N, C-alpha and C. Protein backbone atom coordinates (compact mmCIF):
# COMPACT_ATOMS: atom_id res chain seq x y z
N MET A 1 -26.23 -13.26 32.86
CA MET A 1 -25.74 -11.89 32.90
C MET A 1 -24.98 -11.61 31.61
N SER A 2 -25.29 -10.52 30.98
CA SER A 2 -24.63 -10.19 29.72
C SER A 2 -23.32 -9.45 29.96
N LYS A 3 -22.44 -9.54 28.96
CA LYS A 3 -21.15 -8.86 29.03
C LYS A 3 -21.35 -7.36 28.79
N PRO A 4 -20.55 -6.55 29.44
CA PRO A 4 -20.67 -5.11 29.18
C PRO A 4 -20.18 -4.79 27.76
N VAL A 5 -20.79 -3.80 27.18
CA VAL A 5 -20.42 -3.37 25.83
C VAL A 5 -19.15 -2.54 25.91
N LYS A 6 -18.18 -2.87 25.05
CA LYS A 6 -16.94 -2.09 24.99
C LYS A 6 -17.17 -0.92 24.04
N ILE A 7 -16.81 0.23 24.49
CA ILE A 7 -16.95 1.42 23.65
C ILE A 7 -15.55 1.90 23.30
N LEU A 8 -15.24 1.88 22.03
CA LEU A 8 -13.95 2.35 21.56
C LEU A 8 -14.07 3.78 21.06
N PRO A 9 -13.06 4.58 21.31
CA PRO A 9 -13.10 5.93 20.73
C PRO A 9 -13.04 5.85 19.21
N HIS A 10 -13.58 6.85 18.56
CA HIS A 10 -13.58 6.91 17.10
C HIS A 10 -12.86 8.20 16.70
N TYR A 11 -11.68 8.04 16.07
CA TYR A 11 -10.87 9.20 15.72
C TYR A 11 -11.03 9.55 14.26
N THR A 12 -10.71 10.80 13.93
CA THR A 12 -10.79 11.29 12.56
C THR A 12 -9.48 11.98 12.19
N TYR A 13 -9.43 12.45 10.95
CA TYR A 13 -8.26 13.17 10.45
C TYR A 13 -7.91 14.35 11.35
N ASP A 14 -8.92 15.07 11.84
CA ASP A 14 -8.66 16.23 12.71
C ASP A 14 -7.95 15.84 14.00
N ASP A 15 -8.18 14.65 14.51
CA ASP A 15 -7.43 14.14 15.67
C ASP A 15 -6.05 13.69 15.24
N TRP A 16 -6.01 12.93 14.17
CA TRP A 16 -4.81 12.27 13.68
C TRP A 16 -3.67 13.26 13.40
N ILE A 17 -3.99 14.42 12.84
CA ILE A 17 -2.93 15.37 12.46
C ILE A 17 -2.15 15.91 13.66
N HIS A 18 -2.69 15.75 14.86
CA HIS A 18 -2.02 16.26 16.06
C HIS A 18 -1.18 15.21 16.77
N TRP A 19 -1.24 13.98 16.33
CA TRP A 19 -0.51 12.90 17.00
C TRP A 19 0.96 12.93 16.63
N GLU A 20 1.80 12.56 17.57
CA GLU A 20 3.23 12.42 17.30
C GLU A 20 3.50 11.00 16.84
N GLY A 21 4.53 10.84 16.04
CA GLY A 21 4.88 9.52 15.54
C GLY A 21 4.08 9.17 14.31
N GLN A 22 4.24 7.94 13.86
CA GLN A 22 3.54 7.47 12.66
C GLN A 22 2.36 6.60 13.06
N TRP A 23 1.18 6.95 12.52
CA TRP A 23 -0.06 6.24 12.81
C TRP A 23 -0.85 6.05 11.54
N GLU A 24 -1.53 4.94 11.45
CA GLU A 24 -2.57 4.76 10.44
C GLU A 24 -3.89 4.79 11.18
N LEU A 25 -4.94 5.17 10.47
CA LEU A 25 -6.27 5.24 11.05
C LEU A 25 -7.20 4.43 10.16
N ILE A 26 -7.74 3.35 10.70
CA ILE A 26 -8.62 2.48 9.93
C ILE A 26 -9.95 2.38 10.65
N ASP A 27 -10.99 2.90 10.01
CA ASP A 27 -12.33 2.95 10.60
C ASP A 27 -12.33 3.62 11.96
N GLY A 28 -11.53 4.69 12.07
CA GLY A 28 -11.48 5.46 13.30
C GLY A 28 -10.63 4.88 14.41
N ILE A 29 -9.99 3.74 14.16
CA ILE A 29 -9.16 3.08 15.17
C ILE A 29 -7.69 3.30 14.81
N PRO A 30 -6.89 3.85 15.74
CA PRO A 30 -5.48 4.11 15.45
C PRO A 30 -4.65 2.83 15.48
N HIS A 31 -3.69 2.78 14.55
CA HIS A 31 -2.74 1.68 14.48
C HIS A 31 -1.34 2.29 14.46
N ALA A 32 -0.55 2.01 15.49
CA ALA A 32 0.80 2.56 15.58
C ALA A 32 1.69 1.94 14.51
N MET A 33 2.51 2.76 13.91
CA MET A 33 3.46 2.29 12.89
C MET A 33 4.85 2.15 13.52
N ARG A 34 4.89 1.66 14.70
CA ARG A 34 6.13 1.49 15.43
C ARG A 34 6.28 0.05 15.82
N PRO A 35 7.43 -0.49 16.01
CA PRO A 35 8.71 0.17 15.77
C PRO A 35 8.97 0.37 14.29
N MET A 36 10.03 1.08 13.99
CA MET A 36 10.39 1.29 12.59
C MET A 36 10.62 -0.07 11.93
N PRO A 37 10.41 -0.16 10.61
CA PRO A 37 10.64 -1.43 9.93
C PRO A 37 12.09 -1.91 10.08
N VAL A 38 12.25 -3.21 10.07
CA VAL A 38 13.59 -3.81 10.19
C VAL A 38 14.38 -3.57 8.92
N PRO A 39 15.71 -3.68 8.97
CA PRO A 39 16.54 -3.41 7.79
C PRO A 39 16.14 -4.20 6.54
N LYS A 40 15.76 -5.47 6.68
CA LYS A 40 15.38 -6.27 5.50
C LYS A 40 14.15 -5.65 4.83
N HIS A 41 13.19 -5.21 5.62
CA HIS A 41 11.99 -4.55 5.09
C HIS A 41 12.39 -3.31 4.30
N GLN A 42 13.26 -2.49 4.87
CA GLN A 42 13.67 -1.25 4.21
C GLN A 42 14.46 -1.52 2.94
N ARG A 43 15.33 -2.54 2.97
CA ARG A 43 16.10 -2.89 1.78
C ARG A 43 15.16 -3.33 0.65
N ILE A 44 14.17 -4.14 0.98
CA ILE A 44 13.21 -4.59 -0.03
C ILE A 44 12.37 -3.41 -0.52
N ALA A 45 11.95 -2.53 0.38
CA ALA A 45 11.18 -1.35 -0.02
C ALA A 45 11.98 -0.50 -1.01
N ASN A 46 13.26 -0.31 -0.74
CA ASN A 46 14.10 0.46 -1.66
C ASN A 46 14.25 -0.24 -3.00
N ALA A 47 14.41 -1.56 -2.96
CA ALA A 47 14.58 -2.33 -4.20
C ALA A 47 13.31 -2.29 -5.05
N VAL A 48 12.15 -2.49 -4.42
CA VAL A 48 10.88 -2.44 -5.15
C VAL A 48 10.68 -1.04 -5.72
N GLY A 49 10.93 -0.02 -4.90
CA GLY A 49 10.82 1.36 -5.37
C GLY A 49 11.75 1.64 -6.53
N GLY A 50 12.97 1.13 -6.45
CA GLY A 50 13.93 1.31 -7.53
C GLY A 50 13.50 0.65 -8.82
N GLU A 51 12.96 -0.55 -8.71
CA GLU A 51 12.48 -1.27 -9.89
C GLU A 51 11.36 -0.49 -10.58
N PHE A 52 10.42 0.01 -9.78
CA PHE A 52 9.32 0.79 -10.37
C PHE A 52 9.82 2.14 -10.90
N TYR A 53 10.74 2.75 -10.20
CA TYR A 53 11.29 4.03 -10.67
C TYR A 53 11.91 3.86 -12.06
N LEU A 54 12.73 2.84 -12.21
CA LEU A 54 13.37 2.59 -13.51
C LEU A 54 12.35 2.22 -14.58
N ALA A 55 11.37 1.40 -14.21
CA ALA A 55 10.36 0.95 -15.17
C ALA A 55 9.46 2.10 -15.62
N LEU A 56 9.34 3.14 -14.79
CA LEU A 56 8.44 4.25 -15.10
C LEU A 56 9.16 5.50 -15.62
N LYS A 57 10.47 5.40 -15.83
CA LYS A 57 11.23 6.59 -16.26
C LYS A 57 10.68 7.21 -17.54
N HIS A 58 10.15 6.39 -18.43
CA HIS A 58 9.64 6.89 -19.71
C HIS A 58 8.22 7.47 -19.60
N CYS A 59 7.58 7.27 -18.46
CA CYS A 59 6.21 7.75 -18.27
C CYS A 59 6.23 9.17 -17.72
N LYS A 60 5.48 10.04 -18.35
CA LYS A 60 5.44 11.42 -17.89
C LYS A 60 4.50 11.61 -16.71
N LYS A 61 3.47 10.82 -16.61
CA LYS A 61 2.45 11.01 -15.57
C LYS A 61 2.68 10.16 -14.32
N CYS A 62 3.15 8.93 -14.48
CA CYS A 62 3.21 7.99 -13.35
C CYS A 62 4.53 8.10 -12.60
N GLN A 63 4.41 8.12 -11.26
CA GLN A 63 5.59 8.20 -10.40
C GLN A 63 5.46 7.22 -9.25
N ALA A 64 6.62 6.74 -8.79
CA ALA A 64 6.67 5.87 -7.62
C ALA A 64 6.96 6.72 -6.39
N PHE A 65 6.21 6.47 -5.31
CA PHE A 65 6.40 7.18 -4.05
C PHE A 65 6.62 6.17 -2.93
N GLN A 66 7.61 6.43 -2.07
CA GLN A 66 7.71 5.68 -0.83
C GLN A 66 6.54 6.11 0.04
N ALA A 67 6.41 5.53 1.21
CA ALA A 67 5.24 5.75 2.07
C ALA A 67 4.87 7.23 2.21
N ILE A 68 3.64 7.53 1.82
CA ILE A 68 3.04 8.84 2.04
C ILE A 68 1.65 8.62 2.62
N ASP A 69 1.11 9.65 3.23
CA ASP A 69 -0.23 9.54 3.80
C ASP A 69 -1.26 9.49 2.68
N TYR A 70 -2.14 8.52 2.76
CA TYR A 70 -3.23 8.35 1.81
C TYR A 70 -4.53 8.46 2.61
N LYS A 71 -5.20 9.60 2.48
CA LYS A 71 -6.45 9.85 3.20
C LYS A 71 -7.61 9.39 2.33
N ILE A 72 -8.25 8.32 2.75
CA ILE A 72 -9.34 7.73 2.00
C ILE A 72 -10.68 8.32 2.44
N GLU A 73 -10.85 8.39 3.73
CA GLU A 73 -12.02 9.02 4.34
C GLU A 73 -11.53 9.76 5.57
N ASP A 74 -12.41 10.47 6.21
CA ASP A 74 -12.02 11.23 7.38
C ASP A 74 -11.48 10.34 8.49
N ASP A 75 -11.92 9.07 8.52
CA ASP A 75 -11.46 8.16 9.56
C ASP A 75 -10.65 6.99 9.01
N ILE A 76 -10.13 7.14 7.79
CA ILE A 76 -9.26 6.12 7.20
C ILE A 76 -8.08 6.81 6.53
N ILE A 77 -6.92 6.69 7.16
CA ILE A 77 -5.67 7.23 6.63
C ILE A 77 -4.63 6.13 6.74
N VAL A 78 -4.06 5.73 5.61
CA VAL A 78 -3.08 4.65 5.60
C VAL A 78 -1.78 5.16 4.99
N GLN A 79 -0.72 4.37 5.18
CA GLN A 79 0.59 4.71 4.65
C GLN A 79 1.19 3.48 3.98
N PRO A 80 0.76 3.20 2.75
CA PRO A 80 1.34 2.05 2.05
C PRO A 80 2.85 2.21 1.91
N ASP A 81 3.57 1.09 1.84
CA ASP A 81 5.02 1.14 1.72
C ASP A 81 5.47 1.77 0.41
N LEU A 82 4.69 1.56 -0.65
CA LEU A 82 5.01 2.14 -1.95
C LEU A 82 3.71 2.38 -2.69
N LEU A 83 3.66 3.46 -3.45
CA LEU A 83 2.48 3.78 -4.26
C LEU A 83 2.94 4.20 -5.64
N ILE A 84 2.14 3.89 -6.65
CA ILE A 84 2.31 4.45 -7.98
C ILE A 84 1.12 5.36 -8.20
N VAL A 85 1.42 6.61 -8.54
CA VAL A 85 0.38 7.61 -8.75
C VAL A 85 0.58 8.20 -10.13
N CYS A 86 -0.49 8.23 -10.91
CA CYS A 86 -0.43 8.73 -12.28
C CYS A 86 -1.23 10.03 -12.42
N ALA A 87 -1.11 10.89 -11.44
CA ALA A 87 -1.78 12.20 -11.44
C ALA A 87 -1.01 13.10 -10.47
N ASP A 88 -1.30 14.37 -10.53
CA ASP A 88 -0.65 15.31 -9.63
C ASP A 88 -1.24 15.23 -8.24
N ILE A 89 -0.37 15.29 -7.24
CA ILE A 89 -0.81 15.34 -5.85
C ILE A 89 -0.67 16.80 -5.42
N ASN A 90 -1.79 17.43 -5.07
CA ASN A 90 -1.79 18.85 -4.77
C ASN A 90 -1.96 19.18 -3.30
N LYS A 91 -1.97 18.16 -2.46
CA LYS A 91 -2.12 18.38 -1.02
C LYS A 91 -0.95 17.75 -0.28
N LYS A 92 -0.94 17.88 1.03
CA LYS A 92 0.12 17.29 1.85
C LYS A 92 -0.04 15.77 1.95
N TYR A 93 -1.10 15.26 1.40
CA TYR A 93 -1.40 13.84 1.43
C TYR A 93 -2.11 13.48 0.12
N LEU A 94 -2.17 12.20 -0.15
CA LEU A 94 -2.91 11.72 -1.32
C LEU A 94 -4.37 11.60 -0.93
N ASP A 95 -5.27 12.17 -1.73
CA ASP A 95 -6.70 12.11 -1.41
C ASP A 95 -7.52 11.48 -2.52
N PHE A 96 -6.87 10.71 -3.37
CA PHE A 96 -7.56 9.95 -4.41
C PHE A 96 -6.82 8.62 -4.56
N ALA A 97 -7.47 7.67 -5.20
CA ALA A 97 -6.90 6.33 -5.31
C ALA A 97 -5.64 6.33 -6.18
N PRO A 98 -4.55 5.76 -5.66
CA PRO A 98 -3.37 5.57 -6.50
C PRO A 98 -3.64 4.46 -7.50
N ASP A 99 -2.72 4.24 -8.40
CA ASP A 99 -2.88 3.19 -9.41
C ASP A 99 -2.36 1.84 -8.92
N LEU A 100 -1.46 1.89 -7.92
CA LEU A 100 -0.88 0.66 -7.38
C LEU A 100 -0.44 0.94 -5.95
N VAL A 101 -0.60 -0.04 -5.08
CA VAL A 101 -0.04 0.03 -3.73
C VAL A 101 0.73 -1.24 -3.44
N VAL A 102 1.79 -1.09 -2.65
CA VAL A 102 2.60 -2.21 -2.20
C VAL A 102 2.65 -2.18 -0.68
N GLU A 103 2.37 -3.31 -0.08
CA GLU A 103 2.56 -3.47 1.36
C GLU A 103 3.61 -4.55 1.56
N ILE A 104 4.65 -4.22 2.32
CA ILE A 104 5.67 -5.20 2.67
C ILE A 104 5.28 -5.72 4.04
N SER A 105 4.82 -6.94 4.05
CA SER A 105 4.19 -7.52 5.22
C SER A 105 5.23 -7.96 6.26
N SER A 106 4.82 -7.94 7.50
CA SER A 106 5.62 -8.46 8.60
C SER A 106 4.68 -9.22 9.51
N PRO A 107 5.21 -9.98 10.46
CA PRO A 107 4.30 -10.69 11.36
C PRO A 107 3.33 -9.75 12.07
N SER A 108 3.75 -8.52 12.35
CA SER A 108 2.87 -7.59 13.06
C SER A 108 1.85 -6.90 12.15
N THR A 109 2.06 -6.92 10.82
CA THR A 109 1.13 -6.24 9.91
C THR A 109 0.38 -7.19 8.97
N ALA A 110 0.74 -8.47 8.97
CA ALA A 110 0.19 -9.41 7.98
C ALA A 110 -1.34 -9.45 8.00
N LEU A 111 -1.94 -9.53 9.17
CA LEU A 111 -3.40 -9.61 9.26
C LEU A 111 -4.03 -8.34 8.69
N LYS A 112 -3.50 -7.18 9.06
CA LYS A 112 -4.03 -5.91 8.57
C LYS A 112 -3.84 -5.80 7.06
N ASP A 113 -2.66 -6.21 6.55
CA ASP A 113 -2.39 -6.12 5.11
C ASP A 113 -3.30 -7.02 4.30
N ARG A 114 -3.58 -8.21 4.81
CA ARG A 114 -4.35 -9.21 4.06
C ARG A 114 -5.86 -9.06 4.21
N HIS A 115 -6.29 -8.35 5.23
CA HIS A 115 -7.73 -8.23 5.46
C HIS A 115 -8.19 -6.77 5.39
N SER A 116 -7.85 -5.98 6.39
CA SER A 116 -8.33 -4.59 6.42
C SER A 116 -7.90 -3.81 5.19
N LYS A 117 -6.61 -3.80 4.93
CA LYS A 117 -6.12 -3.01 3.79
C LYS A 117 -6.54 -3.62 2.46
N PHE A 118 -6.53 -4.92 2.37
CA PHE A 118 -6.99 -5.60 1.15
C PHE A 118 -8.40 -5.12 0.81
N THR A 119 -9.29 -5.13 1.80
CA THR A 119 -10.67 -4.71 1.59
C THR A 119 -10.76 -3.23 1.24
N ILE A 120 -10.01 -2.40 1.95
CA ILE A 120 -10.01 -0.96 1.68
C ILE A 120 -9.54 -0.68 0.26
N TYR A 121 -8.42 -1.26 -0.13
CA TYR A 121 -7.87 -1.00 -1.46
C TYR A 121 -8.81 -1.53 -2.56
N GLU A 122 -9.42 -2.67 -2.29
CA GLU A 122 -10.38 -3.23 -3.25
C GLU A 122 -11.60 -2.30 -3.38
N GLN A 123 -12.10 -1.80 -2.27
CA GLN A 123 -13.24 -0.87 -2.31
C GLN A 123 -12.88 0.42 -3.05
N GLN A 124 -11.64 0.83 -2.95
CA GLN A 124 -11.17 2.04 -3.63
C GLN A 124 -10.87 1.77 -5.11
N GLN A 125 -10.96 0.51 -5.51
CA GLN A 125 -10.71 0.10 -6.89
C GLN A 125 -9.30 0.47 -7.35
N ILE A 126 -8.33 0.31 -6.45
CA ILE A 126 -6.93 0.51 -6.80
C ILE A 126 -6.55 -0.63 -7.73
N LYS A 127 -6.06 -0.28 -8.89
CA LYS A 127 -5.88 -1.27 -9.97
C LYS A 127 -5.00 -2.45 -9.55
N TYR A 128 -3.89 -2.17 -8.87
CA TYR A 128 -2.98 -3.24 -8.47
C TYR A 128 -2.67 -3.15 -6.97
N TYR A 129 -2.65 -4.31 -6.34
CA TYR A 129 -2.23 -4.40 -4.94
C TYR A 129 -1.19 -5.51 -4.85
N LEU A 130 -0.02 -5.17 -4.33
CA LEU A 130 1.05 -6.13 -4.17
C LEU A 130 1.32 -6.34 -2.69
N ILE A 131 1.39 -7.60 -2.30
CA ILE A 131 1.78 -7.95 -0.93
C ILE A 131 3.13 -8.67 -1.04
N VAL A 132 4.12 -8.11 -0.37
CA VAL A 132 5.47 -8.67 -0.39
C VAL A 132 5.72 -9.32 0.97
N ASN A 133 6.14 -10.58 0.96
CA ASN A 133 6.45 -11.31 2.18
C ASN A 133 7.97 -11.50 2.25
N PRO A 134 8.67 -10.69 3.05
CA PRO A 134 10.13 -10.80 3.13
C PRO A 134 10.61 -12.15 3.67
N ASP A 135 9.88 -12.75 4.61
CA ASP A 135 10.31 -14.03 5.18
C ASP A 135 10.28 -15.15 4.15
N LYS A 136 9.25 -15.20 3.34
CA LYS A 136 9.13 -16.22 2.30
C LYS A 136 9.80 -15.79 0.99
N GLU A 137 10.20 -14.51 0.93
CA GLU A 137 10.73 -13.92 -0.30
C GLU A 137 9.75 -14.19 -1.45
N GLU A 138 8.54 -13.70 -1.24
CA GLU A 138 7.46 -13.95 -2.18
C GLU A 138 6.65 -12.66 -2.41
N VAL A 139 6.22 -12.48 -3.65
CA VAL A 139 5.38 -11.34 -4.03
C VAL A 139 4.06 -11.89 -4.57
N GLU A 140 2.96 -11.28 -4.13
CA GLU A 140 1.64 -11.60 -4.67
C GLU A 140 1.15 -10.36 -5.41
N VAL A 141 0.74 -10.54 -6.66
CA VAL A 141 0.22 -9.44 -7.47
C VAL A 141 -1.27 -9.66 -7.66
N TYR A 142 -2.06 -8.70 -7.15
CA TYR A 142 -3.50 -8.72 -7.33
C TYR A 142 -3.89 -7.60 -8.30
N SER A 143 -4.91 -7.86 -9.09
CA SER A 143 -5.42 -6.87 -10.03
C SER A 143 -6.94 -6.86 -9.94
N ILE A 144 -7.51 -5.65 -10.05
CA ILE A 144 -8.98 -5.51 -10.02
C ILE A 144 -9.58 -6.05 -11.31
N GLU A 145 -10.53 -6.96 -11.18
CA GLU A 145 -11.31 -7.47 -12.31
C GLU A 145 -12.76 -7.58 -11.86
N ASP A 146 -13.65 -6.97 -12.58
CA ASP A 146 -15.07 -6.97 -12.24
C ASP A 146 -15.29 -6.52 -10.80
N GLY A 147 -14.54 -5.51 -10.37
CA GLY A 147 -14.73 -4.91 -9.06
C GLY A 147 -14.08 -5.62 -7.89
N ALA A 148 -13.36 -6.73 -8.15
CA ALA A 148 -12.74 -7.49 -7.06
C ALA A 148 -11.31 -7.86 -7.42
N TYR A 149 -10.47 -7.99 -6.40
CA TYR A 149 -9.09 -8.39 -6.65
C TYR A 149 -9.01 -9.86 -7.04
N GLN A 150 -8.20 -10.11 -8.05
CA GLN A 150 -7.88 -11.47 -8.49
C GLN A 150 -6.37 -11.63 -8.39
N LEU A 151 -5.93 -12.75 -7.82
CA LEU A 151 -4.50 -13.04 -7.75
C LEU A 151 -4.00 -13.34 -9.16
N LYS A 152 -3.06 -12.55 -9.64
CA LYS A 152 -2.54 -12.71 -11.00
C LYS A 152 -1.27 -13.53 -11.03
N GLN A 153 -0.42 -13.33 -10.04
CA GLN A 153 0.82 -14.09 -10.01
C GLN A 153 1.40 -14.03 -8.60
N THR A 154 2.07 -15.09 -8.23
CA THR A 154 2.75 -15.15 -6.95
C THR A 154 4.06 -15.90 -7.14
N GLY A 155 5.08 -15.51 -6.41
CA GLY A 155 6.36 -16.19 -6.50
C GLY A 155 7.50 -15.31 -6.06
N LYS A 156 8.70 -15.84 -6.26
CA LYS A 156 9.93 -15.15 -5.84
C LYS A 156 10.58 -14.43 -7.01
N CYS A 157 10.74 -15.12 -8.10
CA CYS A 157 11.46 -14.57 -9.26
C CYS A 157 10.57 -14.65 -10.49
N PHE A 158 9.94 -13.54 -10.82
CA PHE A 158 9.12 -13.47 -12.02
C PHE A 158 9.08 -12.03 -12.49
N THR A 159 8.73 -11.86 -13.74
CA THR A 159 8.57 -10.53 -14.32
C THR A 159 7.10 -10.31 -14.57
N PHE A 160 6.63 -9.10 -14.25
CA PHE A 160 5.21 -8.78 -14.42
C PHE A 160 5.10 -7.44 -15.13
N LYS A 161 4.14 -7.35 -16.02
CA LYS A 161 3.89 -6.12 -16.79
C LYS A 161 2.65 -5.42 -16.22
N PHE A 162 2.83 -4.18 -15.78
CA PHE A 162 1.75 -3.37 -15.22
C PHE A 162 1.34 -2.33 -16.26
N PHE A 163 0.04 -2.20 -16.46
CA PHE A 163 -0.50 -1.25 -17.44
C PHE A 163 -1.18 -0.12 -16.70
N PHE A 164 -0.68 1.10 -16.91
CA PHE A 164 -1.23 2.28 -16.26
C PHE A 164 -1.84 3.21 -17.31
N GLN A 165 -2.26 4.39 -16.87
CA GLN A 165 -2.88 5.38 -17.75
C GLN A 165 -1.91 5.84 -18.83
N ASP A 166 -2.48 6.45 -19.87
CA ASP A 166 -1.70 7.06 -20.95
C ASP A 166 -0.69 6.10 -21.58
N ASN A 167 -1.10 4.85 -21.76
CA ASN A 167 -0.24 3.83 -22.37
C ASN A 167 1.08 3.64 -21.64
N CYS A 168 1.08 3.88 -20.37
CA CYS A 168 2.28 3.70 -19.55
C CYS A 168 2.34 2.24 -19.10
N VAL A 169 3.45 1.59 -19.44
CA VAL A 169 3.65 0.19 -19.09
C VAL A 169 4.93 0.08 -18.27
N ALA A 170 4.85 -0.62 -17.16
CA ALA A 170 6.02 -0.85 -16.32
C ALA A 170 6.25 -2.34 -16.22
N THR A 171 7.39 -2.79 -16.69
CA THR A 171 7.77 -4.20 -16.59
C THR A 171 8.75 -4.31 -15.42
N VAL A 172 8.36 -5.09 -14.41
CA VAL A 172 9.15 -5.20 -13.19
C VAL A 172 9.62 -6.64 -13.00
N ASP A 173 10.91 -6.79 -12.75
CA ASP A 173 11.51 -8.10 -12.48
C ASP A 173 11.64 -8.25 -10.97
N PHE A 174 10.75 -9.01 -10.37
CA PHE A 174 10.75 -9.16 -8.92
C PHE A 174 11.91 -10.02 -8.42
N GLY A 175 12.56 -10.73 -9.31
CA GLY A 175 13.77 -11.47 -8.93
C GLY A 175 14.89 -10.54 -8.50
N GLU A 176 14.80 -9.27 -8.86
CA GLU A 176 15.84 -8.29 -8.53
C GLU A 176 15.68 -7.67 -7.15
N ILE A 177 14.60 -7.95 -6.45
CA ILE A 177 14.38 -7.26 -5.17
C ILE A 177 14.95 -8.01 -3.97
N TRP A 178 15.38 -9.24 -4.16
CA TRP A 178 15.86 -10.03 -3.03
C TRP A 178 17.35 -9.88 -2.86
């Protein structure tokens, strides 16, 4: 006797905009963004955002944003913890690939950050993807090379130089975020 087929609902942006609370939508499947991040997560998010803000002060085009809605497709809407965008955002959400995304991982998001989002961001050819692990106090910096992410550096205390559009360079000291 065969197992019955499970049928999952498939949601889109038109459904998502009516939901209360914070949700991500990956391949039409909702992912609750609750509970709110713990204080350590928020402190690290602020520190990473601050480092990029200071590093990008001289850049006219590139800006650091805390979590905003990034609509990739009608059934894929994510909210990275931090984004660097080097273009104008003209809608209530980002609808084009940012230049960098940061996910601050937790036990409840680690699998999604390392697999689903990793694949999505790689397919979108987002130049840099950073995964921050607060428990290990470790940052992984991935960069797109030949269409795929390559791990460029990992550790707790290191400085990394990010190259963005219009000769914009951001040098970030990750030792300052802990």
